[in-house]
Amino acid sequence: MHWCRFCPYSSSSVREFREHIQVHTSNRPFRCDVCGDGFNRKQHLQVHMRRHTGERPFQCTTCSSTFALKHHLDRHIRSRAC
C-alpha cells in the first residue's frame, strides 16, 4: 500500500499513486497543444480538448441535447429541462 504524505489518499497501485502525487506538485506533464494548459492526468487533457474540438459525446435521449461532460447530462436529466 502506498500512502500520500500530503493527504489521506492511499493506493495499492504504483501507477495510480504516482498520478495522485502530481496533484500536490506543479508537475503537469500533459500539455494542450492548442492553449498550453497543463494537466497531471492524460484523461483530464482529453476532457479539456473537448473545449477546443466542440465534441459533445453525451446526449439526452429525450430531447437530443448534447453535453461535453457526463455530469452536465446528469444534471440536465435531474432538472427535467426537457
N, C-alpha and C. Protein backbone atom coordinates (compact mmCIF):
# COMPACT_ATOMS: atom_id res chain seq x y z
N MET A 1 0.86 -1.18 0.00
CA MET A 1 0.00 0.00 0.00
C MET A 1 0.89 1.23 0.00
N HIS A 2 0.51 2.23 -0.78
CA HIS A 2 1.25 3.49 -0.87
C HIS A 2 0.39 4.59 -0.26
N TRP A 3 0.96 5.32 0.69
CA TRP A 3 0.24 6.37 1.41
C TRP A 3 0.76 7.73 1.00
N CYS A 4 -0.14 8.65 0.68
CA CYS A 4 0.24 10.02 0.34
C CYS A 4 0.66 10.76 1.60
N ARG A 5 1.76 11.48 1.53
CA ARG A 5 2.21 12.23 2.71
C ARG A 5 1.53 13.59 2.82
N PHE A 6 0.75 13.97 1.80
CA PHE A 6 0.09 15.27 1.78
C PHE A 6 -1.39 15.22 2.15
N CYS A 7 -2.01 14.05 1.99
CA CYS A 7 -3.45 13.91 2.24
C CYS A 7 -3.76 12.47 2.61
N PRO A 8 -5.01 12.14 2.91
CA PRO A 8 -5.36 10.77 3.33
C PRO A 8 -5.37 9.72 2.21
N TYR A 9 -5.06 10.10 0.98
CA TYR A 9 -5.11 9.16 -0.15
C TYR A 9 -4.14 8.00 0.04
N SER A 10 -4.56 6.81 -0.38
CA SER A 10 -3.68 5.64 -0.44
C SER A 10 -4.09 4.79 -1.63
N SER A 11 -3.13 4.01 -2.13
CA SER A 11 -3.42 3.16 -3.27
C SER A 11 -2.46 1.97 -3.26
N SER A 12 -2.94 0.85 -3.72
CA SER A 12 -2.07 -0.32 -3.87
C SER A 12 -1.38 -0.31 -5.24
N SER A 13 -1.83 0.55 -6.13
CA SER A 13 -1.26 0.65 -7.48
C SER A 13 -0.18 1.73 -7.52
N VAL A 14 1.01 1.36 -7.93
CA VAL A 14 2.11 2.33 -8.05
C VAL A 14 1.75 3.39 -9.09
N ARG A 15 1.18 2.98 -10.21
CA ARG A 15 0.83 3.93 -11.28
C ARG A 15 -0.18 4.96 -10.78
N GLU A 16 -1.24 4.50 -10.14
CA GLU A 16 -2.25 5.42 -9.63
C GLU A 16 -1.68 6.34 -8.55
N PHE A 17 -0.80 5.79 -7.71
CA PHE A 17 -0.19 6.60 -6.67
C PHE A 17 0.68 7.70 -7.27
N ARG A 18 1.47 7.37 -8.27
CA ARG A 18 2.31 8.38 -8.92
C ARG A 18 1.46 9.47 -9.57
N GLU A 19 0.37 9.09 -10.21
CA GLU A 19 -0.53 10.09 -10.80
C GLU A 19 -1.11 10.99 -9.71
N HIS A 20 -1.48 10.40 -8.59
CA HIS A 20 -2.06 11.19 -7.50
C HIS A 20 -1.06 12.20 -6.95
N ILE A 21 0.17 11.82 -6.75
CA ILE A 21 1.18 12.72 -6.18
C ILE A 21 1.31 13.99 -7.02
N GLN A 22 1.10 13.89 -8.31
CA GLN A 22 1.19 15.06 -9.19
C GLN A 22 0.13 16.10 -8.87
N VAL A 23 -0.95 15.71 -8.21
CA VAL A 23 -1.98 16.65 -7.78
C VAL A 23 -1.37 17.66 -6.81
N HIS A 24 -0.42 17.22 -6.03
CA HIS A 24 0.18 18.07 -4.99
C HIS A 24 1.41 18.84 -5.48
N THR A 25 1.84 18.61 -6.69
CA THR A 25 3.02 19.29 -7.23
C THR A 25 2.61 20.13 -8.43
N SER A 26 3.53 20.89 -8.93
CA SER A 26 3.25 21.70 -10.13
C SER A 26 3.56 20.91 -11.40
N ASN A 27 3.83 19.63 -11.26
CA ASN A 27 4.15 18.79 -12.41
C ASN A 27 2.89 18.53 -13.23
N ARG A 28 2.84 19.08 -14.41
CA ARG A 28 1.70 18.91 -15.32
C ARG A 28 2.24 18.45 -16.67
N PRO A 29 2.56 17.15 -16.79
CA PRO A 29 3.24 16.66 -17.99
C PRO A 29 2.37 16.59 -19.25
N PHE A 30 1.07 16.66 -19.10
CA PHE A 30 0.18 16.56 -20.26
C PHE A 30 -0.25 17.97 -20.67
N ARG A 31 0.27 18.45 -21.79
CA ARG A 31 0.06 19.83 -22.25
C ARG A 31 -0.89 19.87 -23.44
N CYS A 32 -1.78 20.86 -23.41
CA CYS A 32 -2.68 21.10 -24.53
C CYS A 32 -1.90 21.80 -25.63
N ASP A 33 -1.93 21.25 -26.83
CA ASP A 33 -1.23 21.85 -27.97
C ASP A 33 -1.90 23.12 -28.45
N VAL A 34 -3.15 23.33 -28.10
CA VAL A 34 -3.90 24.49 -28.56
C VAL A 34 -3.66 25.70 -27.66
N CYS A 35 -3.84 25.54 -26.35
CA CYS A 35 -3.76 26.69 -25.45
C CYS A 35 -2.62 26.63 -24.44
N GLY A 36 -1.96 25.49 -24.34
CA GLY A 36 -0.83 25.37 -23.44
C GLY A 36 -1.16 24.99 -22.01
N ASP A 37 -2.44 24.83 -21.67
CA ASP A 37 -2.80 24.41 -20.32
C ASP A 37 -2.17 23.05 -20.02
N GLY A 38 -1.79 22.83 -18.77
CA GLY A 38 -1.17 21.57 -18.38
C GLY A 38 -2.05 20.78 -17.43
N PHE A 39 -1.92 19.47 -17.49
CA PHE A 39 -2.74 18.58 -16.68
C PHE A 39 -1.87 17.47 -16.11
N ASN A 40 -2.26 17.00 -14.93
CA ASN A 40 -1.49 15.93 -14.31
C ASN A 40 -1.94 14.55 -14.76
N ARG A 41 -3.06 14.46 -15.43
CA ARG A 41 -3.54 13.18 -15.95
C ARG A 41 -3.94 13.31 -17.41
N LYS A 42 -3.63 12.27 -18.17
CA LYS A 42 -3.96 12.26 -19.59
C LYS A 42 -5.47 12.39 -19.81
N GLN A 43 -6.25 11.75 -18.95
CA GLN A 43 -7.70 11.79 -19.09
C GLN A 43 -8.22 13.22 -18.93
N HIS A 44 -7.60 14.00 -18.06
CA HIS A 44 -8.03 15.39 -17.87
C HIS A 44 -7.75 16.21 -19.12
N LEU A 45 -6.61 15.95 -19.77
CA LEU A 45 -6.31 16.63 -21.04
C LEU A 45 -7.33 16.24 -22.10
N GLN A 46 -7.67 14.96 -22.17
CA GLN A 46 -8.64 14.51 -23.17
C GLN A 46 -9.99 15.19 -22.99
N VAL A 47 -10.44 15.33 -21.76
CA VAL A 47 -11.71 16.02 -21.50
C VAL A 47 -11.57 17.49 -21.85
N HIS A 48 -10.45 18.11 -21.48
CA HIS A 48 -10.19 19.52 -21.79
C HIS A 48 -10.26 19.78 -23.30
N MET A 49 -9.74 18.86 -24.09
CA MET A 49 -9.69 19.05 -25.54
C MET A 49 -11.08 19.22 -26.15
N ARG A 50 -12.10 18.75 -25.48
CA ARG A 50 -13.47 18.92 -25.98
C ARG A 50 -13.83 20.40 -26.09
N ARG A 51 -13.21 21.25 -25.27
CA ARG A 51 -13.46 22.69 -25.37
C ARG A 51 -13.01 23.23 -26.72
N HIS A 52 -11.93 22.67 -27.23
CA HIS A 52 -11.38 23.15 -28.49
C HIS A 52 -12.02 22.46 -29.70
N THR A 53 -12.41 21.20 -29.55
CA THR A 53 -12.95 20.45 -30.68
C THR A 53 -14.46 20.58 -30.81
N GLY A 54 -15.12 20.95 -29.71
CA GLY A 54 -16.57 21.03 -29.72
C GLY A 54 -17.24 19.68 -29.55
N GLU A 55 -16.45 18.64 -29.28
CA GLU A 55 -17.02 17.31 -29.09
C GLU A 55 -17.97 17.31 -27.89
N ARG A 56 -19.15 16.72 -28.11
CA ARG A 56 -20.18 16.63 -27.06
C ARG A 56 -20.76 15.22 -27.11
N PRO A 57 -20.04 14.26 -26.51
CA PRO A 57 -20.41 12.85 -26.68
C PRO A 57 -21.59 12.35 -25.85
N PHE A 58 -22.11 13.18 -24.95
CA PHE A 58 -23.21 12.73 -24.08
C PHE A 58 -24.51 13.37 -24.53
N GLN A 59 -25.50 12.53 -24.89
CA GLN A 59 -26.74 13.03 -25.46
C GLN A 59 -27.95 12.60 -24.65
N CYS A 60 -28.85 13.54 -24.44
CA CYS A 60 -30.12 13.27 -23.77
C CYS A 60 -31.00 12.46 -24.71
N THR A 61 -31.55 11.37 -24.22
CA THR A 61 -32.40 10.52 -25.06
C THR A 61 -33.80 11.09 -25.22
N THR A 62 -34.14 12.10 -24.42
CA THR A 62 -35.47 12.70 -24.51
C THR A 62 -35.50 13.85 -25.50
N CYS A 63 -34.55 14.78 -25.37
CA CYS A 63 -34.60 15.98 -26.21
C CYS A 63 -33.42 16.13 -27.17
N SER A 64 -32.49 15.20 -27.14
CA SER A 64 -31.31 15.20 -28.01
C SER A 64 -30.30 16.30 -27.71
N SER A 65 -30.42 17.01 -26.60
CA SER A 65 -29.38 17.96 -26.20
C SER A 65 -28.09 17.19 -25.97
N THR A 66 -26.95 17.82 -26.30
CA THR A 66 -25.67 17.16 -26.12
C THR A 66 -24.79 17.92 -25.14
N PHE A 67 -23.86 17.19 -24.52
CA PHE A 67 -23.02 17.75 -23.47
C PHE A 67 -21.61 17.20 -23.59
N ALA A 68 -20.64 18.03 -23.23
CA ALA A 68 -19.24 17.62 -23.25
C ALA A 68 -18.89 16.77 -22.03
N LEU A 69 -19.60 16.97 -20.94
CA LEU A 69 -19.31 16.26 -19.70
C LEU A 69 -20.52 15.45 -19.24
N LYS A 70 -20.28 14.24 -18.77
CA LYS A 70 -21.37 13.36 -18.34
C LYS A 70 -22.15 13.97 -17.19
N HIS A 71 -21.47 14.62 -16.25
CA HIS A 71 -22.22 15.17 -15.12
C HIS A 71 -23.11 16.33 -15.55
N HIS A 72 -22.81 16.98 -16.67
CA HIS A 72 -23.72 18.01 -17.19
C HIS A 72 -24.98 17.36 -17.75
N LEU A 73 -24.84 16.23 -18.42
CA LEU A 73 -26.02 15.49 -18.88
C LEU A 73 -26.84 15.02 -17.68
N ASP A 74 -26.18 14.48 -16.67
CA ASP A 74 -26.89 14.01 -15.48
C ASP A 74 -27.67 15.15 -14.82
N ARG A 75 -27.06 16.32 -14.72
CA ARG A 75 -27.72 17.49 -14.13
C ARG A 75 -28.92 17.89 -14.98
N HIS A 76 -28.77 17.86 -16.30
CA HIS A 76 -29.86 18.18 -17.23
C HIS A 76 -31.04 17.23 -17.00
N ILE A 77 -30.75 15.95 -16.88
CA ILE A 77 -31.81 14.95 -16.68
C ILE A 77 -32.50 15.16 -15.33
N ARG A 78 -31.72 15.42 -14.29
CA ARG A 78 -32.31 15.64 -12.95
C ARG A 78 -33.17 16.90 -12.91
N SER A 79 -32.81 17.91 -13.70
CA SER A 79 -33.56 19.17 -13.67
C SER A 79 -34.85 19.07 -14.49
N ARG A 80 -35.00 17.98 -15.21
CA ARG A 80 -36.18 17.78 -16.07
C ARG A 80 -36.37 18.96 -17.02
N ALA A 81 -35.27 19.38 -17.61
CA ALA A 81 -35.27 20.55 -18.50
C ALA A 81 -35.94 20.26 -19.84
N CYS A 82 -36.23 19.02 -20.11
CA CYS A 82 -36.85 18.72 -21.41
C CYS A 82 -38.18 18.01 -21.24
